Amino acid sequence: MSNNKKYKEVFLEAFQVDEGSLDGLEYNSISDWDSVGHMGLIAGLEEAFDIMLEMDDIIEFSSYTKGIEILAKYQIEV
């Protein structure tokens, strides 16, 4: 599975949204993406990509698009 597909799947599973709404998705823009949902998302990403995100990156992970930038720091091209 491609990294792009893995990334999308983690979001789709974590937040039960349709794929068309991912590009504009931001923290607190939907009720499921609250602090608890955020940690579930982070856990899903860490498992999918076999990484451990640094605390600063977890805090800065504020949108679907920003997450792609953050994963690039871990040599993961989405």
C-alpha atoms as a PDB file:
ATOM      1  CA  MET A   1       0.000   0.000   0.000  1.00  0.00           C
ATOM      2  CA  SER A   2       1.319   3.451  -0.880  1.00  0.00           C
ATOM      3  CA  ASN A   3       2.104   5.981   1.830  1.00  0.00           C
ATOM      4  CA  ASN A   4      -0.613   8.249   0.459  1.00  0.00           C
ATOM      5  CA  LYS A   5      -3.201   5.480   0.786  1.00  0.00           C
ATOM      6  CA  LYS A   6      -1.997   4.576   4.311  1.00  0.00           C
ATOM      7  CA  TYR A   7      -2.193   8.217   5.382  1.00  0.00           C
ATOM      8  CA  LYS A   8      -5.731   8.593   4.047  1.00  0.00           C
ATOM      9  CA  GLU A   9      -6.848   5.311   5.616  1.00  0.00           C
ATOM     10  CA  VAL A  10      -5.668   6.395   9.081  1.00  0.00           C
ATOM     11  CA  PHE A  11      -7.712   9.605   8.820  1.00  0.00           C
ATOM     12  CA  LEU A  12     -10.762   7.834   7.415  1.00  0.00           C
ATOM     13  CA  GLU A  13     -10.681   5.251  10.186  1.00  0.00           C
ATOM     14  CA  ALA A  14      -9.994   7.747  12.977  1.00  0.00           C
ATOM     15  CA  PHE A  15     -12.680  10.256  12.027  1.00  0.00           C
ATOM     16  CA  GLN A  16     -15.247   8.394   9.886  1.00  0.00           C
ATOM     17  CA  VAL A  17     -15.262  11.132   7.239  1.00  0.00           C
ATOM     18  CA  ASP A  18     -15.490  10.825   3.473  1.00  0.00           C
ATOM     19  CA  GLU A  19     -12.319  11.030   1.430  1.00  0.00           C
ATOM     20  CA  GLY A  20     -13.442  14.223  -0.308  1.00  0.00           C
ATOM     21  CA  SER A  21     -13.312  16.213   2.922  1.00  0.00           C
ATOM     22  CA  LEU A  22      -9.729  15.309   3.864  1.00  0.00           C
ATOM     23  CA  ASP A  23      -7.859  18.171   2.160  1.00  0.00           C
ATOM     24  CA  GLY A  24      -9.593  20.858   4.234  1.00  0.00           C
ATOM     25  CA  LEU A  25      -9.728  18.879   7.459  1.00  0.00           C
ATOM     26  CA  GLU A  26      -8.306  20.691  10.494  1.00  0.00           C
ATOM     27  CA  TYR A  27      -8.090  20.077  14.226  1.00  0.00           C
ATOM     28  CA  ASN A  28     -11.439  20.880  15.911  1.00  0.00           C
ATOM     29  CA  SER A  29     -13.149  21.365  12.531  1.00  0.00           C
ATOM     30  CA  ILE A  30     -15.193  18.233  13.267  1.00  0.00           C
ATOM     31  CA  SER A  31     -16.381  16.960  16.628  1.00  0.00           C
ATOM     32  CA  ASP A  32     -14.339  13.741  16.387  1.00  0.00           C
ATOM     33  CA  TRP A  33     -11.055  15.640  16.019  1.00  0.00           C
ATOM     34  CA  ASP A  34     -10.803  16.805  19.602  1.00  0.00           C
ATOM     35  CA  SER A  35      -7.896  16.100  21.963  1.00  0.00           C
ATOM     36  CA  VAL A  36      -8.861  12.438  22.399  1.00  0.00           C
ATOM     37  CA  GLY A  37      -9.416  11.967  18.681  1.00  0.00           C
ATOM     38  CA  HIS A  38      -6.077  13.657  18.029  1.00  0.00           C
ATOM     39  CA  MET A  39      -4.214  11.127  20.141  1.00  0.00           C
ATOM     40  CA  GLY A  40      -6.033   8.281  18.391  1.00  0.00           C
ATOM     41  CA  LEU A  41      -4.979   9.734  15.047  1.00  0.00           C
ATOM     42  CA  ILE A  42      -1.365  10.052  16.185  1.00  0.00           C
ATOM     43  CA  ALA A  43      -1.349   6.453  17.469  1.00  0.00           C
ATOM     44  CA  GLY A  44      -2.758   5.275  14.138  1.00  0.00           C
ATOM     45  CA  LEU A  45      -0.108   7.159  12.177  1.00  0.00           C
ATOM     46  CA  GLU A  46       2.712   5.913  14.380  1.00  0.00           C
ATOM     47  CA  GLU A  47       1.537   2.349  13.900  1.00  0.00           C
ATOM     48  CA  ALA A  48       0.917   2.657  10.147  1.00  0.00           C
ATOM     49  CA  PHE A  49       4.331   4.171   9.455  1.00  0.00           C
ATOM     50  CA  ASP A  50       6.309   2.503  12.280  1.00  0.00           C
ATOM     51  CA  ILE A  51       7.507   5.833  13.697  1.00  0.00           C
ATOM     52  CA  MET A  52       7.421   7.698  16.995  1.00  0.00           C
ATOM     53  CA  LEU A  53       6.404  11.336  16.543  1.00  0.00           C
ATOM     54  CA  GLU A  54       8.107  13.931  18.710  1.00  0.00           C
ATOM     55  CA  MET A  55       5.902  15.901  21.093  1.00  0.00           C
ATOM     56  CA  ASP A  56       6.409  19.159  19.144  1.00  0.00           C
ATOM     57  CA  ASP A  57       5.224  17.438  15.970  1.00  0.00           C
ATOM     58  CA  ILE A  58       2.171  16.010  17.740  1.00  0.00           C
ATOM     59  CA  ILE A  59       1.241  19.497  18.910  1.00  0.00           C
ATOM     60  CA  GLU A  60       1.865  21.060  15.473  1.00  0.00           C
ATOM     61  CA  PHE A  61      -0.173  18.376  13.688  1.00  0.00           C
ATOM     62  CA  SER A  62      -3.114  20.697  13.118  1.00  0.00           C
ATOM     63  CA  SER A  63      -4.491  19.634   9.742  1.00  0.00           C
ATOM     64  CA  TYR A  64      -4.476  16.930   7.105  1.00  0.00           C
ATOM     65  CA  THR A  65      -2.104  19.047   5.000  1.00  0.00           C
ATOM     66  CA  LYS A  66       0.216  19.956   7.893  1.00  0.00           C
ATOM     67  CA  GLY A  67       0.520  16.254   8.707  1.00  0.00           C
ATOM     68  CA  ILE A  68       2.034  15.592   5.290  1.00  0.00           C
ATOM     69  CA  GLU A  69       4.723  18.213   6.019  1.00  0.00           C
ATOM     70  CA  ILE A  70       5.414  16.716   9.437  1.00  0.00           C
ATOM     71  CA  LEU A  71       5.741  13.168   8.097  1.00  0.00           C
ATOM     72  CA  ALA A  72       8.314  14.423   5.573  1.00  0.00           C
ATOM     73  CA  LYS A  73      10.593  15.166   8.552  1.00  0.00           C
ATOM     74  CA  TYR A  74      10.537  11.402   9.209  1.00  0.00           C
ATOM     75  CA  GLN A  75      11.458  10.618   5.583  1.00  0.00           C
ATOM     76  CA  ILE A  76       7.877   9.584   4.813  1.00  0.00           C
ATOM     77  CA  GLU A  77       6.689  10.953   1.487  1.00  0.00           C
ATOM     78  CA  VAL A  78       2.908  11.061   1.250  1.00  0.00           C
END
